[in-house]
Amino acid sequence: MKYSANIDFDLSNMYDLYWNEFGHKLDDPKLYFADKRIMPVVTGFLITGKEIHWPVQRLMDALGLELVTARLFVTNPNRKLLIHRDCISDKTELRQWAINVPIANCDMGINEWFSDEDNDFGNEHFAPGGSAITPEVFDKEYVISESCVLNSIKLIRTDVMHRSNNLGNDERRVVLSLRGDPNISYEQAKEKVHDHNRQRTENSSSS
């Protein structure tokens, strides 16, 4: 895969942490509007989760990567996110990668990428509220260059146009997205993932 890589690592289930902190609020507008960390969008919710103690430090240490921030992407049933490129905070500088961890109902929805080679996105726009760059036209039939099911922890490329597609899934799709040092490129992060996976395979073979 050009835009994603599996990460061989076992993390504890984080659904209860998500549910107790955020999930139980998402069906009640009074609750989610009162929580400034939760941003409702047309297709679901963007949630700032950087102050939550997600049990992911072992993963980041194993990869030799620093955890800078974390977000939750919640896609509502039978919806898909708008196509976008990720930016660093409220800057127009692109974020090249993230580590996505499936939290709930990720076996139906998919991640899709739309390459510049296959598509013309016109005059792209910066969307400060979502820290993203979006194409000039949303309702165009763009060519899907690659897709994958988030059935494991994955390194994903985020500076290429992409989206979560939850069509055909009757449940909310919840993904924890871990963001590291933006000075590390996607290729550098991918090499760290490959080194980690190779070491895990060697350790498993020798045991």
Protein backbone atom coordinates (compact mmCIF):
# COMPACT_ATOMS: atom_id res chain seq x y z
CA MET A 1 0.00 0.00 0.00
CA LYS A 2 1.32 3.43 -0.96
CA TYR A 3 -0.59 5.52 1.57
CA SER A 4 -0.83 3.26 4.61
CA ALA A 5 1.14 0.63 6.53
CA ASN A 6 0.00 -1.90 9.12
CA ILE A 7 1.62 -1.67 12.57
CA ASP A 8 2.12 -4.95 14.40
CA PHE A 9 1.23 -3.97 17.97
CA ASP A 10 -1.35 -4.93 20.58
CA LEU A 11 -3.07 -2.12 22.47
CA SER A 12 -5.63 -2.42 25.24
CA ASN A 13 -9.24 -1.74 24.31
CA MET A 14 -9.96 1.98 24.59
CA TYR A 15 -13.69 1.96 23.89
CA ASP A 16 -14.69 2.46 27.53
CA LEU A 17 -12.34 5.43 27.85
CA TYR A 18 -13.80 6.97 24.69
CA TRP A 19 -17.39 6.26 25.77
CA ASN A 20 -17.05 7.59 29.31
CA GLU A 21 -15.27 10.76 28.18
CA PHE A 22 -17.07 11.55 24.91
CA GLY A 23 -19.23 8.84 23.37
CA HIS A 24 -22.20 9.06 25.75
CA LYS A 25 -22.55 12.75 24.90
CA LEU A 26 -22.90 12.45 21.14
CA ASP A 27 -26.64 11.77 21.04
CA ASP A 28 -27.46 14.76 23.25
CA PRO A 29 -26.83 18.23 21.73
CA LYS A 30 -26.86 19.85 25.16
CA LEU A 31 -24.02 17.61 26.28
CA TYR A 32 -21.81 17.84 23.22
CA PHE A 33 -22.28 21.58 22.75
CA ALA A 34 -21.28 22.07 26.40
CA ASP A 35 -18.02 20.17 25.83
CA LYS A 36 -15.72 22.53 23.91
CA ARG A 37 -13.49 19.61 22.91
CA ILE A 38 -16.27 18.23 20.68
CA MET A 39 -16.85 19.88 17.29
CA PRO A 40 -20.00 18.68 15.51
CA VAL A 41 -19.66 18.61 11.73
CA VAL A 42 -22.04 17.61 8.95
CA THR A 43 -20.73 14.04 8.86
CA GLY A 44 -20.09 13.41 12.56
CA PHE A 45 -17.72 14.86 15.15
CA LEU A 46 -14.12 16.03 15.44
CA ILE A 47 -12.89 15.66 19.01
CA THR A 48 -9.74 17.06 20.60
CA GLY A 49 -8.35 14.32 22.83
CA LYS A 50 -4.82 15.49 23.56
CA GLU A 51 -5.34 15.86 27.32
CA ILE A 52 -6.75 12.34 27.72
CA HIS A 53 -4.29 9.74 28.97
CA TRP A 54 -4.72 7.27 26.10
CA PRO A 55 -2.70 4.10 26.81
CA VAL A 56 -0.58 4.46 23.68
CA GLN A 57 2.84 5.46 24.98
CA ARG A 58 4.18 1.90 24.65
CA LEU A 59 3.27 2.00 20.96
CA MET A 60 4.98 5.33 20.36
CA ASP A 61 8.06 4.22 22.31
CA ALA A 62 8.25 0.99 20.30
CA LEU A 63 8.23 3.01 17.08
CA GLY A 64 10.65 5.63 18.36
CA LEU A 65 8.10 8.39 17.71
CA GLU A 66 6.96 11.25 19.91
CA LEU A 67 3.25 11.72 20.64
CA VAL A 68 2.39 15.39 20.12
CA THR A 69 -1.39 15.37 20.04
CA ALA A 70 -4.42 13.14 19.54
CA ARG A 71 -7.83 13.56 17.92
CA LEU A 72 -10.92 11.41 17.60
CA PHE A 73 -12.72 11.22 14.29
CA VAL A 74 -16.31 10.06 14.64
CA THR A 75 -18.14 9.41 11.37
CA ASN A 76 -21.90 9.03 11.63
CA PRO A 77 -23.69 5.99 10.16
CA ASN A 78 -23.87 5.93 6.36
CA ARG A 79 -21.92 9.17 5.95
CA LYS A 80 -18.52 10.05 4.54
CA LEU A 81 -16.15 12.85 5.46
CA LEU A 82 -15.35 15.63 3.04
CA ILE A 83 -12.13 15.12 1.10
CA HIS A 84 -9.24 16.99 2.70
CA ARG A 85 -5.53 17.23 3.46
CA ASP A 86 -4.49 17.51 7.12
CA CYS A 87 -2.76 20.65 8.35
CA ILE A 88 -0.67 21.31 11.45
CA SER A 89 -2.88 23.11 13.99
CA ASP A 90 -4.29 26.26 12.38
CA LYS A 91 -1.45 26.62 9.88
CA THR A 92 -1.53 25.90 6.17
CA GLU A 93 1.54 23.65 6.57
CA LEU A 94 0.58 20.08 5.72
CA ARG A 95 0.80 17.22 8.20
CA GLN A 96 2.26 14.21 6.38
CA TRP A 97 1.19 11.33 8.62
CA ALA A 98 -0.79 10.03 11.54
CA ILE A 99 -1.20 6.73 13.35
CA ASN A 100 -4.84 5.67 13.31
CA VAL A 101 -6.18 3.31 15.96
CA PRO A 102 -9.62 1.69 15.49
CA ILE A 103 -11.85 2.32 18.52
CA ALA A 104 -15.32 1.24 17.36
CA ASN A 105 -17.08 -0.09 14.24
CA CYS A 106 -14.13 0.27 11.89
CA ASP A 107 -14.53 -3.06 10.12
CA MET A 108 -17.18 -1.70 7.74
CA GLY A 109 -16.07 1.85 6.89
CA ILE A 110 -12.94 2.50 4.83
CA ASN A 111 -10.23 5.10 4.36
CA GLU A 112 -9.88 6.47 0.83
CA TRP A 113 -7.08 8.46 -0.82
CA PHE A 114 -7.28 10.65 -3.93
CA SER A 115 -3.90 11.36 -5.50
CA ASP A 116 -2.93 14.53 -7.35
CA GLU A 117 -1.87 12.37 -10.30
CA ASP A 118 -5.40 10.98 -10.66
CA ASN A 119 -7.40 14.11 -9.84
CA ASP A 120 -7.67 17.86 -10.35
CA PHE A 121 -8.73 19.58 -7.11
CA GLY A 122 -8.87 23.08 -8.55
CA ASN A 123 -8.24 26.06 -6.28
CA GLU A 124 -7.83 24.43 -2.87
CA HIS A 125 -9.04 26.21 0.27
CA PHE A 126 -7.80 26.31 3.86
CA ALA A 127 -10.45 25.47 6.46
CA PRO A 128 -9.09 26.82 9.78
CA GLY A 129 -11.76 25.24 12.01
CA GLY A 130 -10.89 21.77 10.82
CA SER A 131 -7.16 22.37 10.32
CA ALA A 132 -7.48 21.09 6.77
CA ILE A 133 -7.16 22.00 3.11
CA THR A 134 -10.13 21.13 0.93
CA PRO A 135 -10.72 20.98 -2.84
CA GLU A 136 -12.47 23.75 -4.75
CA VAL A 137 -15.45 21.49 -5.49
CA PHE A 138 -16.77 18.85 -3.08
CA ASP A 139 -19.51 17.16 -5.10
CA LYS A 140 -17.23 16.11 -7.94
CA GLU A 141 -16.67 12.41 -8.66
CA TYR A 142 -13.00 12.17 -7.74
CA VAL A 143 -10.97 9.06 -8.62
CA ILE A 144 -10.13 6.85 -5.62
CA SER A 145 -6.43 6.02 -5.88
CA GLU A 146 -6.24 3.69 -2.88
CA SER A 147 -8.44 2.46 -0.04
CA CYS A 148 -8.18 0.26 3.05
CA VAL A 149 -10.20 -1.03 5.97
CA LEU A 150 -8.91 0.14 9.34
CA ASN A 151 -8.90 -3.38 10.82
CA SER A 152 -5.62 -2.80 12.69
CA ILE A 153 -3.41 0.04 13.85
CA LYS A 154 -2.10 1.79 10.75
CA LEU A 155 0.29 4.53 9.76
CA ILE A 156 -1.59 6.63 7.21
CA ARG A 157 -0.56 9.41 4.87
CA THR A 158 -2.49 12.61 5.52
CA ASP A 159 -1.00 15.22 3.16
CA VAL A 160 -2.67 13.47 0.21
CA MET A 161 -6.39 14.14 -0.21
CA HIS A 162 -8.29 11.52 1.80
CA ARG A 163 -11.47 10.81 3.74
CA SER A 164 -13.28 8.33 5.95
CA ASN A 165 -16.15 6.62 4.09
CA ASN A 166 -18.73 5.07 6.40
CA LEU A 167 -21.41 4.32 3.80
CA GLY A 168 -23.00 0.94 4.40
CA ASN A 169 -22.22 1.03 8.13
CA ASP A 170 -25.19 1.51 10.44
CA GLU A 171 -22.95 2.39 13.40
CA ARG A 172 -20.72 5.32 14.24
CA ARG A 173 -17.12 4.74 13.17
CA VAL A 174 -14.66 5.93 15.82
CA VAL A 175 -10.94 6.37 15.13
CA LEU A 176 -8.21 7.66 17.44
CA SER A 177 -5.65 9.57 15.40
CA LEU A 178 -2.20 10.01 16.98
CA ARG A 179 -0.04 12.83 15.64
CA GLY A 180 3.72 13.02 16.07
CA ASP A 181 6.63 15.32 15.25
CA PRO A 182 5.71 17.14 12.00
CA ASN A 183 9.40 17.40 11.12
CA ILE A 184 9.43 13.64 10.52
CA SER A 185 8.28 12.78 7.01
CA TYR A 186 5.83 10.05 6.11
CA GLU A 187 8.64 8.01 4.56
CA GLN A 188 10.73 8.32 7.73
CA ALA A 189 7.79 7.26 9.90
CA LYS A 190 7.08 4.38 7.52
CA GLU A 191 10.68 3.18 7.83
CA LYS A 192 10.32 3.16 11.63
CA VAL A 193 7.15 1.10 11.27
CA HIS A 194 8.88 -1.38 8.93
CA ASP A 195 11.83 -1.70 11.37
CA HIS A 196 9.44 -2.34 14.24
CA ASN A 197 7.41 -4.93 12.32
CA ARG A 198 10.59 -6.68 11.18
CA GLN A 199 11.87 -6.85 14.76
CA ARG A 200 8.55 -8.26 15.97
CA THR A 201 8.68 -10.96 13.29
CA GLU A 202 12.27 -11.87 14.18
CA ASN A 203 11.44 -12.02 17.90
CA SER A 204 8.41 -14.21 17.19
CA SER A 205 10.46 -16.57 15.00
CA SER A 206 13.19 -17.01 17.61
CA SER A 207 10.87 -17.62 20.56
